[in-house]
């Protein structure tokens, strides 16, 4: 069994999740409290990956990042960055594709915090950043954990987007979902079963841990 697809998969999921967490907190904060007229437009754009077929996103990523396109050509010639059929391209595509799975739980958690708590922090002289860091985020730990797990698990299960933008390069862009498809196409069901079983067990354990933590079962167990 070749372990490279699993390594690439979890490397991609880990990097994507960390970057998404950093980007999603300020975005979710803005969506939760902003009264801007463009807020519905931004919310729509963030949520688009939930309803668009992955191949649609993958196709437009492929077109945008291609050296034959003005943007892709600029990246390649001026910055020396090649995103088509490369791991960095997979990361960028995965960030956009998994964005709503991180933003929505955090936005929901922030929206559920009483406004009086935020206003009290301002009255005490705390800045917006200090209030977010020391008051709001500690009160939405379950939402943060849910967002992290959903984004990680969603990235692990990607197929259409990663196939379109990354192709099927062994050890570089070939993730586990593509490896499973290849093995099924080759009628090698044993190898496909190995990959599938590993992904199933790992994602099940991660989701179970989240429900145990958010449900307070672990705290009650250790008391």
N, C-alpha and C. Protein backbone atom coordinates (compact mmCIF):
# COMPACT_ATOMS: atom_id res chain seq x y z
N UNK A 1 0.85 -1.20 0.00
CA UNK A 1 0.00 0.00 0.00
C UNK A 1 0.88 1.25 0.00
N UNK A 2 0.54 2.21 -0.85
CA UNK A 2 1.27 3.47 -0.93
C UNK A 2 0.67 4.48 0.05
N UNK A 3 1.48 4.94 1.00
CA UNK A 3 0.98 5.84 2.03
C UNK A 3 1.06 7.31 1.62
N UNK A 4 1.67 7.60 0.47
CA UNK A 4 1.82 9.00 0.05
C UNK A 4 0.49 9.74 -0.09
N UNK A 5 -0.56 9.14 -0.68
CA UNK A 5 -1.84 9.88 -0.78
C UNK A 5 -2.41 10.29 0.57
N UNK A 6 -2.25 9.44 1.57
CA UNK A 6 -2.74 9.78 2.91
C UNK A 6 -1.90 10.91 3.51
N UNK A 7 -0.59 10.84 3.29
CA UNK A 7 0.28 11.90 3.81
C UNK A 7 -0.07 13.24 3.17
N UNK A 8 -0.25 13.25 1.85
CA UNK A 8 -0.61 14.48 1.14
C UNK A 8 -1.96 14.99 1.62
N UNK A 9 -2.90 14.08 1.83
CA UNK A 9 -4.25 14.46 2.27
C UNK A 9 -4.23 15.17 3.61
N UNK A 10 -3.58 14.57 4.59
CA UNK A 10 -3.60 15.16 5.93
C UNK A 10 -2.68 16.37 6.03
N UNK A 11 -1.64 16.42 5.22
CA UNK A 11 -0.82 17.63 5.15
C UNK A 11 -1.65 18.78 4.59
N UNK A 12 -2.39 18.51 3.53
CA UNK A 12 -3.26 19.53 2.93
C UNK A 12 -4.33 19.98 3.91
N UNK A 13 -4.96 19.03 4.59
CA UNK A 13 -6.03 19.36 5.54
C UNK A 13 -5.51 20.19 6.70
N UNK A 14 -4.33 19.85 7.20
CA UNK A 14 -3.76 20.57 8.34
C UNK A 14 -3.41 22.01 7.97
N UNK A 15 -2.72 22.18 6.84
CA UNK A 15 -2.33 23.52 6.41
C UNK A 15 -3.57 24.36 6.10
N UNK A 16 -4.53 23.77 5.40
CA UNK A 16 -5.76 24.49 5.06
C UNK A 16 -6.51 24.93 6.31
N UNK A 17 -6.61 24.05 7.30
CA UNK A 17 -7.36 24.35 8.52
C UNK A 17 -6.70 25.48 9.31
N UNK A 18 -5.38 25.45 9.42
CA UNK A 18 -4.67 26.50 10.17
C UNK A 18 -4.87 27.86 9.50
N UNK A 19 -4.69 27.90 8.18
CA UNK A 19 -4.86 29.17 7.46
C UNK A 19 -6.31 29.65 7.55
N UNK A 20 -7.26 28.71 7.42
CA UNK A 20 -8.67 29.08 7.49
C UNK A 20 -9.04 29.65 8.86
N UNK A 21 -8.48 29.09 9.92
CA UNK A 21 -8.78 29.58 11.26
C UNK A 21 -8.33 31.03 11.41
N UNK A 22 -7.15 31.34 10.89
CA UNK A 22 -6.62 32.70 10.98
C UNK A 22 -7.48 33.67 10.16
N UNK A 23 -7.88 33.25 8.98
CA UNK A 23 -8.66 34.12 8.10
C UNK A 23 -10.12 34.24 8.52
N UNK A 24 -10.67 33.17 9.06
CA UNK A 24 -12.12 33.11 9.31
C UNK A 24 -12.54 33.88 10.55
N UNK A 25 -11.67 33.99 11.55
CA UNK A 25 -12.07 34.69 12.77
C UNK A 25 -12.41 36.15 12.50
N UNK A 26 -11.53 36.93 11.84
CA UNK A 26 -11.94 38.32 11.54
C UNK A 26 -13.10 38.42 10.57
N UNK A 27 -13.17 37.51 9.60
CA UNK A 27 -14.28 37.53 8.65
C UNK A 27 -15.60 37.22 9.35
N UNK A 28 -15.60 36.20 10.21
CA UNK A 28 -16.80 35.83 10.94
C UNK A 28 -17.22 36.95 11.90
N UNK A 29 -16.23 37.61 12.50
CA UNK A 29 -16.52 38.73 13.40
C UNK A 29 -17.23 39.84 12.63
N UNK A 30 -16.72 40.15 11.44
CA UNK A 30 -17.34 41.20 10.63
C UNK A 30 -18.75 40.82 10.21
N UNK A 31 -18.94 39.57 9.81
CA UNK A 31 -20.26 39.12 9.39
C UNK A 31 -21.25 39.09 10.55
N UNK A 32 -20.75 38.82 11.74
CA UNK A 32 -21.63 38.72 12.90
C UNK A 32 -22.12 40.09 13.38
N UNK A 33 -21.29 41.11 13.23
CA UNK A 33 -21.62 42.40 13.83
C UNK A 33 -21.77 43.54 12.83
N UNK A 34 -21.39 43.33 11.58
CA UNK A 34 -21.46 44.42 10.61
C UNK A 34 -22.90 44.69 10.18
N UNK A 35 -23.17 45.96 9.88
CA UNK A 35 -24.46 46.37 9.33
C UNK A 35 -24.28 46.96 7.94
N UNK A 36 -23.18 46.60 7.31
CA UNK A 36 -22.88 47.12 5.98
C UNK A 36 -23.89 46.61 4.95
N UNK A 37 -24.12 47.40 3.92
CA UNK A 37 -25.05 47.02 2.87
C UNK A 37 -24.52 45.87 2.01
N UNK A 38 -23.20 45.71 1.99
CA UNK A 38 -22.61 44.64 1.18
C UNK A 38 -22.51 43.32 1.95
N UNK A 39 -22.96 43.31 3.20
CA UNK A 39 -22.88 42.09 4.01
C UNK A 39 -23.59 40.91 3.35
N UNK A 40 -24.82 41.07 2.81
CA UNK A 40 -25.47 39.92 2.15
C UNK A 40 -24.67 39.38 0.97
N UNK A 41 -23.98 40.27 0.26
CA UNK A 41 -23.17 39.84 -0.88
C UNK A 41 -21.99 39.01 -0.40
N UNK A 42 -21.32 39.47 0.65
CA UNK A 42 -20.17 38.73 1.20
C UNK A 42 -20.62 37.38 1.76
N UNK A 43 -21.75 37.38 2.47
CA UNK A 43 -22.27 36.11 3.01
C UNK A 43 -22.59 35.14 1.89
N UNK A 44 -23.14 35.64 0.80
CA UNK A 44 -23.45 34.79 -0.35
C UNK A 44 -22.18 34.20 -0.96
N UNK A 45 -21.17 35.03 -1.13
CA UNK A 45 -19.91 34.55 -1.70
C UNK A 45 -19.26 33.50 -0.81
N UNK A 46 -19.31 33.73 0.50
CA UNK A 46 -18.72 32.76 1.45
C UNK A 46 -19.45 31.43 1.38
N UNK A 47 -20.76 31.49 1.20
CA UNK A 47 -21.58 30.27 1.22
C UNK A 47 -21.66 29.55 -0.12
N UNK A 48 -21.19 30.16 -1.19
CA UNK A 48 -21.29 29.56 -2.52
C UNK A 48 -20.72 28.14 -2.61
N UNK A 49 -19.59 27.84 -1.98
CA UNK A 49 -19.05 26.47 -2.08
C UNK A 49 -19.99 25.40 -1.52
N UNK A 50 -20.97 25.80 -0.71
CA UNK A 50 -21.90 24.83 -0.16
C UNK A 50 -22.87 24.30 -1.21
N UNK A 51 -23.14 25.09 -2.22
CA UNK A 51 -24.15 24.72 -3.20
C UNK A 51 -23.60 24.49 -4.61
N UNK A 52 -22.45 25.08 -4.90
CA UNK A 52 -21.86 24.89 -6.22
C UNK A 52 -21.22 23.50 -6.33
N UNK A 53 -21.36 22.83 -7.47
CA UNK A 53 -20.64 21.57 -7.68
C UNK A 53 -19.13 21.81 -7.58
N UNK A 54 -18.40 20.92 -6.94
CA UNK A 54 -16.94 21.11 -6.81
C UNK A 54 -16.24 21.28 -8.14
N UNK A 55 -16.74 20.61 -9.18
CA UNK A 55 -16.09 20.74 -10.48
C UNK A 55 -16.22 22.14 -11.06
N UNK A 56 -17.28 22.87 -10.69
CA UNK A 56 -17.44 24.24 -11.16
C UNK A 56 -16.35 25.12 -10.57
N UNK A 57 -16.17 25.02 -9.25
CA UNK A 57 -15.10 25.77 -8.60
C UNK A 57 -13.74 25.36 -9.14
N UNK A 58 -13.55 24.05 -9.28
CA UNK A 58 -12.28 23.56 -9.79
C UNK A 58 -11.97 24.07 -11.18
N UNK A 59 -12.99 24.15 -12.01
CA UNK A 59 -12.80 24.63 -13.38
C UNK A 59 -12.36 26.09 -13.38
N UNK A 60 -13.03 26.92 -12.57
CA UNK A 60 -12.67 28.34 -12.56
C UNK A 60 -11.32 28.58 -11.91
N UNK A 61 -10.96 27.76 -10.91
CA UNK A 61 -9.61 27.83 -10.36
C UNK A 61 -8.58 27.48 -11.43
N UNK A 62 -8.89 26.45 -12.20
CA UNK A 62 -7.98 26.01 -13.26
C UNK A 62 -7.79 27.11 -14.30
N UNK A 63 -8.88 27.75 -14.67
CA UNK A 63 -8.80 28.84 -15.66
C UNK A 63 -8.04 30.03 -15.09
N UNK A 64 -8.34 30.40 -13.84
CA UNK A 64 -7.72 31.59 -13.24
C UNK A 64 -6.22 31.40 -13.02
N UNK A 65 -5.83 30.19 -12.59
CA UNK A 65 -4.43 29.94 -12.25
C UNK A 65 -3.58 29.51 -13.44
N UNK A 66 -4.22 29.24 -14.58
CA UNK A 66 -3.49 28.76 -15.74
C UNK A 66 -2.53 29.82 -16.27
N UNK A 67 -1.32 29.43 -16.69
CA UNK A 67 -0.38 30.40 -17.28
C UNK A 67 -0.92 31.05 -18.55
N UNK A 68 -1.92 30.44 -19.17
CA UNK A 68 -2.53 31.02 -20.37
C UNK A 68 -3.46 32.18 -20.03
N UNK A 69 -3.81 32.30 -18.74
CA UNK A 69 -4.65 33.39 -18.28
C UNK A 69 -3.78 34.54 -17.80
N UNK A 70 -4.28 35.78 -17.89
CA UNK A 70 -3.49 36.95 -17.50
C UNK A 70 -3.03 36.87 -16.05
N UNK A 71 -3.95 36.47 -15.15
CA UNK A 71 -3.60 36.39 -13.73
C UNK A 71 -2.57 35.29 -13.49
N UNK A 72 -2.83 34.11 -14.04
CA UNK A 72 -1.90 33.01 -13.87
C UNK A 72 -0.55 33.30 -14.50
N UNK A 73 -0.55 33.97 -15.65
CA UNK A 73 0.70 34.34 -16.31
C UNK A 73 1.49 35.34 -15.48
N UNK A 74 0.78 36.29 -14.83
CA UNK A 74 1.43 37.27 -13.97
C UNK A 74 2.07 36.59 -12.76
N UNK A 75 1.35 35.65 -12.16
CA UNK A 75 1.91 34.92 -11.03
C UNK A 75 3.15 34.15 -11.43
N UNK A 76 3.11 33.53 -12.59
CA UNK A 76 4.22 32.70 -13.04
C UNK A 76 5.44 33.53 -13.45
N UNK A 77 5.22 34.62 -14.18
CA UNK A 77 6.34 35.40 -14.72
C UNK A 77 6.94 36.37 -13.71
N UNK A 78 6.09 36.99 -12.91
CA UNK A 78 6.58 38.02 -12.00
C UNK A 78 6.88 37.51 -10.60
N UNK A 79 6.11 36.56 -10.13
CA UNK A 79 6.33 36.04 -8.77
C UNK A 79 6.92 34.64 -8.75
N UNK A 80 6.97 34.00 -9.92
CA UNK A 80 7.52 32.65 -9.98
C UNK A 80 6.65 31.63 -9.28
N UNK A 81 5.35 31.89 -9.22
CA UNK A 81 4.42 31.00 -8.52
C UNK A 81 3.60 30.23 -9.54
N UNK A 82 3.64 28.92 -9.46
CA UNK A 82 2.83 28.07 -10.33
C UNK A 82 1.80 27.36 -9.46
N UNK A 83 0.53 27.66 -9.73
CA UNK A 83 -0.54 27.11 -8.90
C UNK A 83 -1.25 25.92 -9.54
N UNK A 84 -1.22 25.83 -10.86
CA UNK A 84 -1.87 24.72 -11.53
C UNK A 84 -1.03 23.46 -11.37
N UNK A 85 -1.67 22.36 -10.96
CA UNK A 85 -1.00 21.08 -10.76
C UNK A 85 0.17 21.20 -9.78
N UNK A 86 -0.09 21.91 -8.69
CA UNK A 86 0.93 22.07 -7.65
C UNK A 86 0.25 22.02 -6.28
N UNK A 87 1.03 21.73 -5.25
CA UNK A 87 0.47 21.66 -3.90
C UNK A 87 -0.01 23.03 -3.40
N UNK A 88 0.73 24.13 -3.64
CA UNK A 88 0.19 25.44 -3.25
C UNK A 88 -1.16 25.75 -3.88
N UNK A 89 -1.34 25.32 -5.13
CA UNK A 89 -2.64 25.52 -5.77
C UNK A 89 -3.74 24.75 -5.06
N UNK A 90 -3.41 23.53 -4.61
CA UNK A 90 -4.37 22.74 -3.83
C UNK A 90 -4.76 23.47 -2.55
N UNK A 91 -3.78 24.07 -1.89
CA UNK A 91 -4.04 24.77 -0.63
C UNK A 91 -5.00 25.94 -0.85
N UNK A 92 -4.73 26.75 -1.86
CA UNK A 92 -5.59 27.91 -2.13
C UNK A 92 -7.00 27.48 -2.49
N UNK A 93 -7.11 26.47 -3.35
CA UNK A 93 -8.43 25.98 -3.74
C UNK A 93 -9.17 25.40 -2.53
N UNK A 94 -8.45 24.68 -1.67
CA UNK A 94 -9.08 24.07 -0.50
C UNK A 94 -9.53 25.13 0.50
N UNK A 95 -8.77 26.20 0.63
CA UNK A 95 -9.15 27.29 1.53
C UNK A 95 -10.49 27.89 1.11
N UNK A 96 -10.62 28.17 -0.17
CA UNK A 96 -11.86 28.77 -0.67
C UNK A 96 -13.02 27.77 -0.58
N UNK A 97 -12.73 26.51 -0.92
CA UNK A 97 -13.78 25.49 -0.95
C UNK A 97 -14.28 25.14 0.46
N UNK A 98 -13.41 25.20 1.45
CA UNK A 98 -13.80 24.84 2.82
C UNK A 98 -14.11 26.06 3.69
N UNK A 99 -14.05 27.26 3.10
CA UNK A 99 -14.26 28.48 3.87
C UNK A 99 -15.57 28.50 4.66
N UNK A 100 -16.73 28.17 4.07
CA UNK A 100 -17.97 28.26 4.85
C UNK A 100 -18.02 27.31 6.03
N UNK A 101 -17.30 26.21 5.96
CA UNK A 101 -17.33 25.24 7.05
C UNK A 101 -16.58 25.74 8.28
N UNK A 102 -15.72 26.73 8.08
CA UNK A 102 -15.05 27.36 9.21
C UNK A 102 -15.75 28.64 9.63
N UNK A 103 -16.18 29.44 8.67
CA UNK A 103 -16.76 30.74 8.98
C UNK A 103 -18.12 30.63 9.66
N UNK A 104 -18.99 29.76 9.15
CA UNK A 104 -20.36 29.70 9.67
C UNK A 104 -20.45 29.32 11.15
N UNK A 105 -19.73 28.28 11.63
CA UNK A 105 -19.82 27.99 13.07
C UNK A 105 -19.31 29.14 13.94
N UNK A 106 -18.21 29.78 13.51
CA UNK A 106 -17.66 30.89 14.29
C UNK A 106 -18.62 32.07 14.26
N UNK A 107 -19.17 32.37 13.10
CA UNK A 107 -20.15 33.47 13.00
C UNK A 107 -21.36 33.20 13.87
N UNK A 108 -21.83 31.96 13.86
CA UNK A 108 -22.99 31.60 14.68
C UNK A 108 -22.67 31.75 16.17
N UNK A 109 -21.47 31.33 16.56
CA UNK A 109 -21.07 31.45 17.96
C UNK A 109 -20.99 32.90 18.40
N UNK A 110 -20.39 33.74 17.57
CA UNK A 110 -20.28 35.16 17.91
C UNK A 110 -21.65 35.84 17.95
N UNK A 111 -22.53 35.46 17.05
CA UNK A 111 -23.88 36.06 17.02
C UNK A 111 -24.68 35.67 18.25
N UNK A 112 -24.35 34.53 18.86
CA UNK A 112 -25.09 34.07 20.03
C UNK A 112 -24.63 34.69 21.33
N UNK A 113 -23.53 35.43 21.31
CA UNK A 113 -23.05 36.08 22.53
C UNK A 113 -23.86 37.35 22.78
N UNK A 114 -24.35 37.56 24.00
CA UNK A 114 -25.12 38.77 24.29
C UNK A 114 -24.33 40.03 23.98
N UNK A 115 -24.99 40.99 23.37
CA UNK A 115 -24.33 42.25 23.02
C UNK A 115 -23.82 42.98 24.25
N UNK A 116 -24.50 42.79 25.36
CA UNK A 116 -24.11 43.47 26.60
C UNK A 116 -22.70 43.07 27.04
N UNK A 117 -22.30 41.83 26.76
CA UNK A 117 -20.97 41.37 27.14
C UNK A 117 -19.90 42.14 26.38
N UNK A 118 -20.12 42.33 25.10
CA UNK A 118 -19.17 43.08 24.27
C UNK A 118 -19.15 44.55 24.68
N UNK A 119 -20.31 45.12 24.94
CA UNK A 119 -20.39 46.53 25.32
C UNK A 119 -19.74 46.76 26.68
N UNK A 120 -19.87 45.79 27.58
CA UNK A 120 -19.24 45.92 28.90
C UNK A 120 -17.72 45.96 28.77
N UNK A 121 -17.19 45.18 27.86
CA UNK A 121 -15.74 45.18 27.63
C UNK A 121 -15.28 46.52 27.09
N UNK A 122 -16.09 47.13 26.20
CA UNK A 122 -15.74 48.44 25.66
C UNK A 122 -15.77 49.50 26.76
N UNK A 123 -16.77 49.41 27.64
CA UNK A 123 -16.89 50.37 28.74
C UNK A 123 -15.67 50.30 29.66
N UNK A 124 -15.12 49.10 29.79
CA UNK A 124 -13.93 48.91 30.65
C UNK A 124 -12.65 49.32 29.94
N UNK A 125 -12.77 49.85 28.73
CA UNK A 125 -11.60 50.38 28.04
C UNK A 125 -10.88 49.40 27.15
N UNK A 126 -11.49 48.24 26.90
CA UNK A 126 -10.86 47.24 26.04
C UNK A 126 -11.06 47.61 24.57
N UNK A 127 -10.03 47.36 23.78
CA UNK A 127 -10.13 47.60 22.34
C UNK A 127 -10.94 46.48 21.70
N UNK A 128 -11.28 46.66 20.42
CA UNK A 128 -12.01 45.63 19.71
C UNK A 128 -11.21 44.33 19.62
N UNK A 129 -9.91 44.47 19.35
CA UNK A 129 -9.06 43.28 19.26
C UNK A 129 -8.95 42.58 20.61
N UNK A 130 -8.75 43.36 21.67
CA UNK A 130 -8.65 42.78 23.01
C UNK A 130 -9.96 42.12 23.43
N UNK A 131 -11.08 42.74 23.06
CA UNK A 131 -12.38 42.16 23.38
C UNK A 131 -12.59 40.85 22.64
N UNK A 132 -12.21 40.82 21.37
CA UNK A 132 -12.33 39.59 20.60
C UNK A 132 -11.46 38.49 21.18
N UNK A 133 -10.22 38.83 21.51
CA UNK A 133 -9.26 37.84 21.98
C UNK A 133 -9.57 37.34 23.38
N UNK A 134 -9.88 38.25 24.29
CA UNK A 134 -10.00 37.88 25.71
C UNK A 134 -11.42 37.66 26.20
N UNK A 135 -12.41 38.13 25.42
CA UNK A 135 -13.80 38.01 25.89
C UNK A 135 -14.63 37.12 24.97
N UNK A 136 -14.62 37.44 23.68
CA UNK A 136 -15.52 36.74 22.76
C UNK A 136 -15.03 35.33 22.42
N UNK A 137 -13.81 35.20 21.99
CA UNK A 137 -13.31 33.88 21.56
C UNK A 137 -13.35 32.84 22.69
N UNK A 138 -12.97 33.19 23.93
CA UNK A 138 -13.07 32.18 25.00
C UNK A 138 -14.50 31.69 25.25
N UNK A 139 -15.49 32.50 24.84
CA UNK A 139 -16.89 32.11 25.05
C UNK A 139 -17.47 31.31 23.89
N UNK A 140 -16.69 31.12 22.84
CA UNK A 140 -17.21 30.34 21.70
C UNK A 140 -16.26 29.19 21.36
N UNK A 141 -15.63 28.62 22.38
CA UNK A 141 -14.70 27.51 22.14
C UNK A 141 -15.37 26.33 21.41
N UNK A 142 -16.60 25.96 21.77
CA UNK A 142 -17.26 24.88 21.00
C UNK A 142 -17.43 25.21 19.52
N UNK A 143 -17.74 26.47 19.23
CA UNK A 143 -17.91 26.88 17.84
C UNK A 143 -16.57 26.84 17.09
N UNK A 144 -15.51 27.27 17.76
CA UNK A 144 -14.18 27.22 17.15
C UNK A 144 -13.78 25.78 16.87
N UNK A 145 -14.02 24.92 17.83
CA UNK A 145 -13.67 23.51 17.66
C UNK A 145 -14.48 22.89 16.53
N UNK A 146 -15.76 23.22 16.47
CA UNK A 146 -16.61 22.69 15.40
C UNK A 146 -16.12 23.16 14.03
N UNK A 147 -15.78 24.44 13.93
CA UNK A 147 -15.28 24.96 12.67
C UNK A 147 -13.99 24.30 12.24
N UNK A 148 -13.07 24.10 13.18
CA UNK A 148 -11.79 23.46 12.87
C UNK A 148 -12.02 22.04 12.36
N UNK A 149 -12.86 21.29 13.06
CA UNK A 149 -13.08 19.89 12.69
C UNK A 149 -13.81 19.78 11.35
N UNK A 150 -14.83 20.60 11.15
CA UNK A 150 -15.58 20.55 9.89
C UNK A 150 -14.69 20.92 8.70
N UNK A 151 -13.87 21.95 8.86
CA UNK A 151 -12.97 22.36 7.78
C UNK A 151 -11.95 21.27 7.50
N UNK A 152 -11.40 20.67 8.55
CA UNK A 152 -10.40 19.61 8.38
C UNK A 152 -11.02 18.40 7.68
N UNK A 153 -12.18 17.97 8.19
CA UNK A 153 -12.83 16.78 7.62
C UNK A 153 -13.28 17.04 6.19
N UNK A 154 -13.78 18.24 5.91
CA UNK A 154 -14.22 18.56 4.56
C UNK A 154 -13.05 18.56 3.58
N UNK A 155 -11.91 19.06 4.01
CA UNK A 155 -10.72 19.07 3.16
C UNK A 155 -10.24 17.65 2.90
N UNK A 156 -10.31 16.80 3.92
CA UNK A 156 -9.91 15.40 3.75
C UNK A 156 -10.75 14.72 2.68
N UNK A 157 -12.04 15.07 2.61
CA UNK A 157 -12.94 14.41 1.67
C UNK A 157 -13.04 15.04 0.31
N UNK A 158 -12.24 16.07 0.03
CA UNK A 158 -12.32 16.74 -1.27
C UNK A 158 -11.95 15.80 -2.41
N UNK A 159 -12.64 15.99 -3.54
CA UNK A 159 -12.32 15.19 -4.72
C UNK A 159 -12.31 16.05 -5.98
N UNK A 160 -13.47 16.61 -6.33
CA UNK A 160 -13.60 17.33 -7.59
C UNK A 160 -12.67 18.51 -7.70
N UNK A 161 -12.60 19.34 -6.66
CA UNK A 161 -11.76 20.53 -6.70
C UNK A 161 -10.29 20.16 -6.82
N UNK A 162 -9.83 19.23 -5.98
CA UNK A 162 -8.41 18.88 -5.99
C UNK A 162 -8.02 18.17 -7.28
N UNK A 163 -8.95 17.42 -7.87
CA UNK A 163 -8.64 16.75 -9.12
C UNK A 163 -8.50 17.76 -10.26
N UNK A 164 -9.34 18.78 -10.28
CA UNK A 164 -9.32 19.77 -11.34
C UNK A 164 -8.08 20.65 -11.26
N UNK A 165 -7.73 21.12 -10.09
CA UNK A 165 -6.63 22.07 -9.95
C UNK A 165 -5.29 21.39 -9.71
N UNK A 166 -5.32 20.21 -9.07
CA UNK A 166 -4.05 19.55 -8.72
C UNK A 166 -3.69 18.38 -9.61
N UNK A 167 -4.68 17.84 -10.29
CA UNK A 167 -4.41 16.67 -11.12
C UNK A 167 -4.21 15.43 -10.28
N UNK A 168 -3.32 14.58 -10.74
CA UNK A 168 -3.13 13.28 -10.10
C UNK A 168 -1.64 12.95 -10.09
N UNK A 169 -0.86 13.83 -9.47
CA UNK A 169 0.59 13.66 -9.44
C UNK A 169 0.99 12.93 -8.16
N UNK A 170 1.51 11.71 -8.26
CA UNK A 170 1.86 10.92 -7.07
C UNK A 170 2.87 11.66 -6.19
N UNK A 171 2.60 11.65 -4.89
CA UNK A 171 3.49 12.25 -3.92
C UNK A 171 3.45 13.76 -3.87
N UNK A 172 2.64 14.39 -4.74
CA UNK A 172 2.59 15.85 -4.81
C UNK A 172 1.17 16.38 -4.69
N UNK A 173 0.28 15.91 -5.55
CA UNK A 173 -1.11 16.39 -5.51
C UNK A 173 -2.12 15.25 -5.45
N UNK A 174 -1.66 14.03 -5.44
CA UNK A 174 -2.57 12.89 -5.40
C UNK A 174 -3.01 12.63 -3.96
N UNK A 175 -4.25 13.00 -3.66
CA UNK A 175 -4.77 12.81 -2.31
C UNK A 175 -5.50 11.47 -2.21
N UNK A 176 -5.95 11.13 -1.01
CA UNK A 176 -6.54 9.82 -0.77
C UNK A 176 -7.81 9.59 -1.57
N UNK A 177 -8.65 10.62 -1.70
CA UNK A 177 -9.90 10.45 -2.45
C UNK A 177 -9.63 10.10 -3.91
N UNK A 178 -8.60 10.70 -4.49
CA UNK A 178 -8.23 10.39 -5.87
C UNK A 178 -7.62 8.99 -5.95
N UNK A 179 -6.84 8.63 -4.92
CA UNK A 179 -6.24 7.29 -4.90
C UNK A 179 -7.32 6.22 -4.84
N UNK A 180 -8.38 6.47 -4.06
CA UNK A 180 -9.49 5.52 -3.98
C UNK A 180 -10.15 5.37 -5.34
N UNK A 181 -10.39 6.47 -6.01
CA UNK A 181 -11.00 6.44 -7.35
C UNK A 181 -10.12 5.65 -8.32
N UNK A 182 -8.82 5.89 -8.28
CA UNK A 182 -7.90 5.18 -9.17
C UNK A 182 -7.92 3.68 -8.92
N UNK A 183 -7.94 3.30 -7.65
CA UNK A 183 -7.93 1.87 -7.32
C UNK A 183 -9.23 1.19 -7.75
N UNK A 184 -10.34 1.89 -7.60
CA UNK A 184 -11.62 1.34 -8.04
C UNK A 184 -11.64 1.19 -9.56
N UNK A 185 -11.10 2.19 -10.26
CA UNK A 185 -11.03 2.13 -11.72
C UNK A 185 -10.17 0.94 -12.17
N UNK A 186 -9.14 0.63 -11.38
CA UNK A 186 -8.25 -0.49 -11.71
C UNK A 186 -8.77 -1.81 -11.15
N UNK A 187 -9.98 -1.77 -10.55
CA UNK A 187 -10.60 -2.96 -9.94
C UNK A 187 -9.76 -3.52 -8.80
N UNK A 188 -8.94 -2.67 -8.19
CA UNK A 188 -8.13 -3.07 -7.05
C UNK A 188 -8.89 -2.69 -5.77
N UNK A 189 -9.90 -3.45 -5.46
CA UNK A 189 -10.80 -3.10 -4.36
C UNK A 189 -10.15 -3.22 -2.98
N UNK A 190 -9.17 -4.09 -2.85
CA UNK A 190 -8.50 -4.23 -1.55
C UNK A 190 -7.79 -2.94 -1.17
N UNK A 191 -7.05 -2.36 -2.12
CA UNK A 191 -6.35 -1.10 -1.84
C UNK A 191 -7.34 0.02 -1.60
N UNK A 192 -8.41 0.06 -2.39
CA UNK A 192 -9.44 1.09 -2.20
C UNK A 192 -10.07 0.96 -0.82
N UNK A 193 -10.26 -0.27 -0.38
CA UNK A 193 -10.83 -0.50 0.94
C UNK A 193 -9.90 -0.04 2.05
N UNK A 194 -8.59 -0.24 1.86
CA UNK A 194 -7.63 0.21 2.86
C UNK A 194 -7.69 1.72 3.03
N UNK A 195 -7.62 2.43 1.90
CA UNK A 195 -7.68 3.89 1.96
C UNK A 195 -9.00 4.36 2.59
N UNK A 196 -10.09 3.76 2.14
CA UNK A 196 -11.41 4.17 2.63
C UNK A 196 -11.57 3.89 4.12
N UNK A 197 -11.09 2.75 4.56
CA UNK A 197 -11.21 2.38 5.97
C UNK A 197 -10.44 3.33 6.87
N UNK A 198 -9.23 3.69 6.43
CA UNK A 198 -8.41 4.60 7.22
C UNK A 198 -9.08 5.97 7.33
N UNK A 199 -9.58 6.48 6.22
CA UNK A 199 -10.27 7.77 6.25
C UNK A 199 -11.54 7.71 7.10
N UNK A 200 -12.27 6.61 6.98
CA UNK A 200 -13.51 6.45 7.75
C UNK A 200 -13.22 6.45 9.24
N UNK A 201 -12.25 5.68 9.66
CA UNK A 201 -11.93 5.56 11.09
C UNK A 201 -11.44 6.89 11.65
N UNK A 202 -10.54 7.55 10.93
CA UNK A 202 -9.97 8.80 11.42
C UNK A 202 -11.03 9.89 11.52
N UNK A 203 -11.84 10.06 10.49
CA UNK A 203 -12.88 11.09 10.53
C UNK A 203 -13.94 10.77 11.58
N UNK A 204 -14.27 9.50 11.76
CA UNK A 204 -15.24 9.12 12.79
C UNK A 204 -14.70 9.48 14.17
N UNK A 205 -13.44 9.16 14.44
CA UNK A 205 -12.85 9.45 15.75
C UNK A 205 -12.78 10.95 16.01
N UNK A 206 -12.44 11.74 14.97
CA UNK A 206 -12.36 13.19 15.14
C UNK A 206 -13.74 13.77 15.46
N UNK A 207 -14.75 13.36 14.70
CA UNK A 207 -16.10 13.87 14.94
C UNK A 207 -16.64 13.43 16.30
N UNK A 208 -16.36 12.19 16.67
CA UNK A 208 -16.79 11.69 17.98
C UNK A 208 -16.16 12.50 19.10
N UNK A 209 -14.88 12.82 18.95
CA UNK A 209 -14.19 13.61 19.97
C UNK A 209 -14.82 14.99 20.11
N UNK A 210 -15.21 15.59 18.99
CA UNK A 210 -15.85 16.91 19.04
C UNK A 210 -17.16 16.84 19.80
N UNK A 211 -18.00 15.83 19.51
CA UNK A 211 -19.28 15.71 20.19
C UNK A 211 -19.08 15.42 21.68
N UNK A 212 -18.05 14.67 22.01
CA UNK A 212 -17.79 14.38 23.42
C UNK A 212 -17.34 15.63 24.17
N UNK A 213 -16.50 16.44 23.51
CA UNK A 213 -16.02 17.67 24.15
C UNK A 213 -17.14 18.69 24.25
N UNK A 214 -17.84 18.93 23.15
CA UNK A 214 -18.91 19.94 23.17
C UNK A 214 -20.08 19.53 24.06
N UNK A 215 -20.28 18.23 24.19
CA UNK A 215 -21.36 17.75 25.05
C UNK A 215 -20.99 17.66 26.51
N UNK A 216 -19.73 17.93 26.82
CA UNK A 216 -19.29 17.91 28.22
C UNK A 216 -19.08 16.53 28.78
N UNK A 217 -19.09 15.50 27.92
CA UNK A 217 -18.95 14.13 28.41
C UNK A 217 -17.56 13.88 28.99
N UNK A 218 -16.55 14.46 28.38
CA UNK A 218 -15.18 14.23 28.85
C UNK A 218 -14.97 14.87 30.22
N UNK A 219 -15.50 16.09 30.39
CA UNK A 219 -15.38 16.74 31.69
C UNK A 219 -16.06 15.93 32.78
N UNK A 220 -17.25 15.42 32.48
CA UNK A 220 -17.98 14.62 33.48
C UNK A 220 -17.25 13.32 33.77
N UNK A 221 -16.57 12.79 32.75
CA UNK A 221 -15.83 11.54 32.94
C UNK A 221 -14.66 11.72 33.90
N UNK A 222 -13.96 12.86 33.79
CA UNK A 222 -12.77 13.08 34.62
C UNK A 222 -13.10 13.58 36.01
N UNK A 223 -14.34 13.99 36.24
CA UNK A 223 -14.71 14.46 37.59
C UNK A 223 -14.86 13.30 38.55
